[in-house]
Amino acid sequence: MFIMRIAGSVAAVLLGVVVLSAAAQERGAVEQGRQVFKDQGCYGCHMVEKFGTPIGPDLSHVGAKHNVAYLTRWLEDPASQKPTAHMPKIELSKAEVASLAAYLASLR
C-alpha cells in the first residue's frame, strides 16, 4: 500500500512536470511566432491590437475563430484555403509556420 502511494505521488509529480514543460514550450512558440510576425512584416497588412496597418484583416482575435491546424494550412498556402485570398504565399520554414500559427492561435 505504501509503495502504491509513493508511486502515485511520483506519477503526479512527473505529470505536473510534463504539463509545465508543455506550457513553457507553448509560450516559447508563441513568443517566437510574435517575432516572426514582426520579422516577416505581417504588420504591414495586418493589425494585432493597435499594432500594424489595417489593409488586410485585423488578426487581434483570429485565435478565437481558427485553430492551429487551420492557421498552419493557411500560412503554408493561403490560396489553397481560399482561392480568392489576396494574401501572398510567404516563404517560411516549417518552424516559422508552426510558431506563427501558435502565436495567431493565442490571439483571442
N, C-alpha and C. Protein backbone atom coordinates (compact mmCIF):
# COMPACT_ATOMS: atom_id res chain seq x y z
N MET A 1 0.83 -1.18 0.00
CA MET A 1 0.00 0.00 0.00
C MET A 1 0.88 1.25 0.00
N PHE A 2 1.91 1.25 0.84
CA PHE A 2 2.81 2.39 0.94
C PHE A 2 3.50 2.65 -0.39
N ILE A 3 3.95 1.57 -1.03
CA ILE A 3 4.65 1.70 -2.32
C ILE A 3 3.69 2.25 -3.38
N MET A 4 2.43 1.84 -3.33
CA MET A 4 1.44 2.34 -4.29
C MET A 4 1.22 3.84 -4.11
N ARG A 5 1.22 4.30 -2.85
CA ARG A 5 1.05 5.74 -2.59
C ARG A 5 2.24 6.52 -3.11
N ILE A 6 3.44 6.00 -2.89
CA ILE A 6 4.66 6.67 -3.37
C ILE A 6 4.66 6.70 -4.90
N ALA A 7 4.31 5.57 -5.50
CA ALA A 7 4.27 5.50 -6.96
C ALA A 7 3.25 6.50 -7.50
N GLY A 8 2.11 6.61 -6.84
CA GLY A 8 1.08 7.57 -7.25
C GLY A 8 1.58 9.00 -7.11
N SER A 9 2.29 9.28 -6.03
CA SER A 9 2.84 10.62 -5.82
C SER A 9 3.90 10.96 -6.86
N VAL A 10 4.75 10.00 -7.15
CA VAL A 10 5.80 10.21 -8.16
C VAL A 10 5.15 10.46 -9.53
N ALA A 11 4.13 9.67 -9.84
CA ALA A 11 3.43 9.84 -11.13
C ALA A 11 2.80 11.22 -11.20
N ALA A 12 2.20 11.69 -10.12
CA ALA A 12 1.57 13.00 -10.10
C ALA A 12 2.61 14.10 -10.30
N VAL A 13 3.76 13.97 -9.67
CA VAL A 13 4.83 14.96 -9.83
C VAL A 13 5.34 14.95 -11.27
N LEU A 14 5.55 13.77 -11.82
CA LEU A 14 6.02 13.68 -13.21
C LEU A 14 5.01 14.27 -14.18
N LEU A 15 3.73 14.03 -13.96
CA LEU A 15 2.69 14.60 -14.80
C LEU A 15 2.71 16.12 -14.70
N GLY A 16 2.89 16.63 -13.50
CA GLY A 16 2.99 18.08 -13.31
C GLY A 16 4.17 18.67 -14.06
N VAL A 17 5.29 17.99 -14.05
CA VAL A 17 6.48 18.45 -14.77
C VAL A 17 6.21 18.47 -16.27
N VAL A 18 5.57 17.42 -16.76
CA VAL A 18 5.27 17.33 -18.19
C VAL A 18 4.31 18.46 -18.59
N VAL A 19 3.29 18.70 -17.79
CA VAL A 19 2.32 19.76 -18.09
C VAL A 19 3.01 21.12 -18.08
N LEU A 20 3.83 21.38 -17.09
CA LEU A 20 4.55 22.66 -17.02
C LEU A 20 5.51 22.81 -18.20
N SER A 21 6.17 21.73 -18.56
CA SER A 21 7.09 21.76 -19.69
C SER A 21 6.35 22.07 -20.98
N ALA A 22 5.20 21.45 -21.19
CA ALA A 22 4.40 21.69 -22.39
C ALA A 22 3.93 23.14 -22.43
N ALA A 23 3.52 23.68 -21.28
CA ALA A 23 3.07 25.06 -21.22
C ALA A 23 4.22 26.02 -21.54
N ALA A 24 5.40 25.71 -21.03
CA ALA A 24 6.58 26.54 -21.30
C ALA A 24 6.95 26.49 -22.78
N GLN A 25 6.85 25.31 -23.38
CA GLN A 25 7.15 25.18 -24.81
C GLN A 25 6.13 25.97 -25.63
N GLU A 26 4.86 25.92 -25.24
CA GLU A 26 3.83 26.65 -25.96
C GLU A 26 4.08 28.15 -25.86
N ARG A 27 4.43 28.63 -24.67
CA ARG A 27 4.74 30.07 -24.51
C ARG A 27 5.93 30.45 -25.37
N GLY A 28 6.92 29.57 -25.45
CA GLY A 28 8.09 29.83 -26.27
C GLY A 28 7.72 29.92 -27.75
N ALA A 29 6.86 29.01 -28.20
CA ALA A 29 6.41 29.03 -29.59
C ALA A 29 5.63 30.30 -29.89
N VAL A 30 4.79 30.72 -28.96
CA VAL A 30 4.01 31.94 -29.14
C VAL A 30 4.94 33.15 -29.24
N GLU A 31 5.94 33.21 -28.38
CA GLU A 31 6.89 34.32 -28.42
C GLU A 31 7.69 34.32 -29.73
N GLN A 32 8.10 33.13 -30.17
CA GLN A 32 8.81 33.03 -31.45
C GLN A 32 7.90 33.47 -32.59
N GLY A 33 6.64 33.08 -32.53
CA GLY A 33 5.67 33.46 -33.56
C GLY A 33 5.44 34.96 -33.60
N ARG A 34 5.42 35.58 -32.43
CA ARG A 34 5.28 37.05 -32.37
C ARG A 34 6.47 37.69 -33.09
N GLN A 35 7.64 37.14 -32.88
CA GLN A 35 8.84 37.67 -33.53
C GLN A 35 8.79 37.45 -35.05
N VAL A 36 8.32 36.28 -35.48
CA VAL A 36 8.17 36.00 -36.91
C VAL A 36 7.19 37.00 -37.52
N PHE A 37 6.10 37.28 -36.83
CA PHE A 37 5.11 38.26 -37.29
C PHE A 37 5.79 39.61 -37.56
N LYS A 38 6.66 40.01 -36.66
CA LYS A 38 7.38 41.27 -36.82
C LYS A 38 8.44 41.17 -37.91
N ASP A 39 9.25 40.12 -37.85
CA ASP A 39 10.36 39.97 -38.80
C ASP A 39 9.88 39.85 -40.25
N GLN A 40 8.77 39.18 -40.46
CA GLN A 40 8.25 38.99 -41.82
C GLN A 40 7.43 40.18 -42.30
N GLY A 41 7.22 41.15 -41.42
CA GLY A 41 6.48 42.35 -41.82
C GLY A 41 4.98 42.14 -41.96
N CYS A 42 4.44 41.14 -41.27
CA CYS A 42 3.00 40.87 -41.34
C CYS A 42 2.18 42.10 -40.93
N TYR A 43 2.75 42.90 -40.05
CA TYR A 43 2.08 44.11 -39.57
C TYR A 43 1.93 45.15 -40.69
N GLY A 44 2.59 44.94 -41.82
CA GLY A 44 2.44 45.86 -42.95
C GLY A 44 1.05 45.78 -43.56
N CYS A 45 0.35 44.67 -43.33
CA CYS A 45 -1.01 44.49 -43.85
C CYS A 45 -2.03 44.19 -42.76
N HIS A 46 -1.58 43.69 -41.62
CA HIS A 46 -2.50 43.24 -40.57
C HIS A 46 -2.27 43.99 -39.28
N MET A 47 -3.35 44.13 -38.53
CA MET A 47 -3.28 44.72 -37.19
C MET A 47 -3.43 43.61 -36.16
N VAL A 48 -2.72 43.78 -35.05
CA VAL A 48 -2.91 42.99 -33.84
C VAL A 48 -2.98 44.02 -32.74
N GLU A 49 -4.18 44.10 -32.15
CA GLU A 49 -4.49 45.18 -31.21
C GLU A 49 -4.28 46.51 -31.92
N LYS A 50 -3.39 47.34 -31.48
CA LYS A 50 -3.20 48.65 -32.12
C LYS A 50 -1.89 48.71 -32.91
N PHE A 51 -1.28 47.56 -33.15
CA PHE A 51 -0.01 47.48 -33.85
C PHE A 51 -0.24 46.99 -35.27
N GLY A 52 0.17 47.74 -36.26
CA GLY A 52 0.08 47.31 -37.64
C GLY A 52 -0.69 48.26 -38.52
N THR A 53 -1.05 47.76 -39.70
CA THR A 53 -1.74 48.55 -40.71
C THR A 53 -3.01 47.82 -41.12
N PRO A 54 -4.14 48.52 -41.17
CA PRO A 54 -5.41 47.85 -41.46
C PRO A 54 -5.71 47.66 -42.95
N ILE A 55 -4.78 47.06 -43.69
CA ILE A 55 -5.02 46.75 -45.10
C ILE A 55 -5.74 45.41 -45.21
N GLY A 56 -5.19 44.38 -44.55
CA GLY A 56 -5.81 43.06 -44.51
C GLY A 56 -6.65 42.93 -43.25
N PRO A 57 -7.17 41.73 -43.02
CA PRO A 57 -7.99 41.51 -41.82
C PRO A 57 -7.24 41.80 -40.52
N ASP A 58 -7.99 42.32 -39.55
CA ASP A 58 -7.46 42.51 -38.19
C ASP A 58 -7.33 41.12 -37.57
N LEU A 59 -6.15 40.81 -37.07
CA LEU A 59 -5.88 39.48 -36.52
C LEU A 59 -5.94 39.44 -34.99
N SER A 60 -6.43 40.50 -34.38
CA SER A 60 -6.43 40.60 -32.92
C SER A 60 -7.14 39.44 -32.22
N HIS A 61 -8.11 38.85 -32.86
CA HIS A 61 -8.88 37.76 -32.22
C HIS A 61 -8.98 36.54 -33.13
N VAL A 62 -8.03 36.37 -34.04
CA VAL A 62 -8.09 35.28 -35.01
C VAL A 62 -8.07 33.90 -34.34
N GLY A 63 -7.43 33.79 -33.19
CA GLY A 63 -7.36 32.51 -32.49
C GLY A 63 -8.70 32.05 -31.95
N ALA A 64 -9.65 32.98 -31.78
CA ALA A 64 -10.99 32.61 -31.34
C ALA A 64 -11.80 32.03 -32.49
N LYS A 65 -11.35 32.27 -33.72
CA LYS A 65 -12.09 31.81 -34.91
C LYS A 65 -11.47 30.57 -35.54
N HIS A 66 -10.15 30.45 -35.46
CA HIS A 66 -9.44 29.38 -36.16
C HIS A 66 -8.44 28.69 -35.24
N ASN A 67 -8.31 27.36 -35.41
CA ASN A 67 -7.36 26.60 -34.60
C ASN A 67 -5.98 26.57 -35.26
N VAL A 68 -5.01 26.01 -34.56
CA VAL A 68 -3.63 25.97 -35.04
C VAL A 68 -3.52 25.22 -36.37
N ALA A 69 -4.25 24.12 -36.51
CA ALA A 69 -4.18 23.33 -37.74
C ALA A 69 -4.63 24.16 -38.95
N TYR A 70 -5.74 24.86 -38.81
CA TYR A 70 -6.22 25.70 -39.90
C TYR A 70 -5.23 26.81 -40.21
N LEU A 71 -4.74 27.47 -39.17
CA LEU A 71 -3.79 28.58 -39.37
C LEU A 71 -2.50 28.08 -40.02
N THR A 72 -2.07 26.89 -39.67
CA THR A 72 -0.88 26.31 -40.29
C THR A 72 -1.11 26.10 -41.78
N ARG A 73 -2.25 25.51 -42.14
CA ARG A 73 -2.57 25.31 -43.56
C ARG A 73 -2.64 26.64 -44.29
N TRP A 74 -3.25 27.63 -43.66
CA TRP A 74 -3.38 28.96 -44.27
C TRP A 74 -2.00 29.57 -44.53
N LEU A 75 -1.14 29.51 -43.54
CA LEU A 75 0.19 30.11 -43.69
C LEU A 75 1.03 29.38 -44.73
N GLU A 76 0.84 28.08 -44.85
CA GLU A 76 1.60 27.31 -45.83
C GLU A 76 1.18 27.66 -47.26
N ASP A 77 -0.11 27.90 -47.47
CA ASP A 77 -0.59 28.23 -48.81
C ASP A 77 -1.99 28.86 -48.73
N PRO A 78 -2.06 30.18 -48.58
CA PRO A 78 -3.36 30.85 -48.43
C PRO A 78 -4.34 30.55 -49.57
N ALA A 79 -3.86 30.52 -50.81
CA ALA A 79 -4.75 30.30 -51.95
C ALA A 79 -5.39 28.91 -51.94
N SER A 80 -4.72 27.93 -51.34
CA SER A 80 -5.31 26.60 -51.27
C SER A 80 -6.47 26.58 -50.28
N GLN A 81 -6.47 27.48 -49.33
CA GLN A 81 -7.54 27.56 -48.35
C GLN A 81 -8.68 28.45 -48.85
N LYS A 82 -8.30 29.50 -49.59
CA LYS A 82 -9.30 30.43 -50.14
C LYS A 82 -8.73 30.97 -51.46
N PRO A 83 -9.20 30.43 -52.57
CA PRO A 83 -8.63 30.81 -53.87
C PRO A 83 -8.67 32.31 -54.16
N THR A 84 -9.60 33.03 -53.58
CA THR A 84 -9.69 34.47 -53.83
C THR A 84 -8.89 35.30 -52.82
N ALA A 85 -8.09 34.64 -52.00
CA ALA A 85 -7.30 35.34 -50.98
C ALA A 85 -6.32 36.31 -51.63
N HIS A 86 -6.20 37.46 -51.04
CA HIS A 86 -5.24 38.46 -51.52
C HIS A 86 -3.87 38.29 -50.87
N MET A 87 -3.80 37.44 -49.85
CA MET A 87 -2.54 37.23 -49.15
C MET A 87 -1.60 36.38 -50.01
N PRO A 88 -0.40 36.86 -50.19
CA PRO A 88 0.56 36.08 -50.98
C PRO A 88 1.10 34.90 -50.16
N LYS A 89 1.61 33.91 -50.86
CA LYS A 89 2.28 32.80 -50.18
C LYS A 89 3.65 33.32 -49.74
N ILE A 90 3.92 33.21 -48.47
CA ILE A 90 5.16 33.74 -47.90
C ILE A 90 6.11 32.56 -47.66
N GLU A 91 7.35 32.75 -48.03
CA GLU A 91 8.35 31.70 -47.82
C GLU A 91 8.72 31.65 -46.33
N LEU A 92 8.23 30.63 -45.67
CA LEU A 92 8.51 30.42 -44.25
C LEU A 92 8.97 28.99 -44.05
N SER A 93 9.89 28.80 -43.11
CA SER A 93 10.30 27.44 -42.76
C SER A 93 9.16 26.77 -41.99
N LYS A 94 9.23 25.45 -41.87
CA LYS A 94 8.22 24.72 -41.09
C LYS A 94 8.17 25.24 -39.66
N ALA A 95 9.34 25.53 -39.09
CA ALA A 95 9.39 26.05 -37.71
C ALA A 95 8.74 27.42 -37.62
N GLU A 96 8.98 28.27 -38.60
CA GLU A 96 8.36 29.60 -38.60
C GLU A 96 6.84 29.49 -38.74
N VAL A 97 6.39 28.60 -39.62
CA VAL A 97 4.95 28.40 -39.77
C VAL A 97 4.34 27.93 -38.45
N ALA A 98 4.98 26.96 -37.81
CA ALA A 98 4.46 26.41 -36.55
C ALA A 98 4.40 27.48 -35.46
N SER A 99 5.44 28.27 -35.34
CA SER A 99 5.44 29.29 -34.28
C SER A 99 4.49 30.43 -34.61
N LEU A 100 4.39 30.82 -35.88
CA LEU A 100 3.46 31.88 -36.26
C LEU A 100 2.03 31.42 -36.07
N ALA A 101 1.73 30.17 -36.41
CA ALA A 101 0.40 29.62 -36.18
C ALA A 101 0.08 29.58 -34.68
N ALA A 102 1.05 29.21 -33.86
CA ALA A 102 0.85 29.20 -32.41
C ALA A 102 0.55 30.60 -31.89
N TYR A 103 1.30 31.58 -32.39
CA TYR A 103 1.07 32.97 -31.97
C TYR A 103 -0.33 33.42 -32.37
N LEU A 104 -0.70 33.21 -33.64
CA LEU A 104 -2.01 33.65 -34.11
C LEU A 104 -3.12 32.94 -33.36
N ALA A 105 -2.96 31.65 -33.06
CA ALA A 105 -3.97 30.91 -32.31
C ALA A 105 -4.12 31.42 -30.89
N SER A 106 -3.07 32.05 -30.37
CA SER A 106 -3.13 32.58 -29.00
C SER A 106 -3.89 33.91 -28.92
N LEU A 107 -4.14 34.52 -30.07
CA LEU A 107 -4.82 35.81 -30.10
C LEU A 107 -6.32 35.60 -29.97
N ARG A 108 -6.84 35.93 -28.81
CA ARG A 108 -8.28 35.69 -28.55
C ARG A 108 -8.96 36.92 -28.11
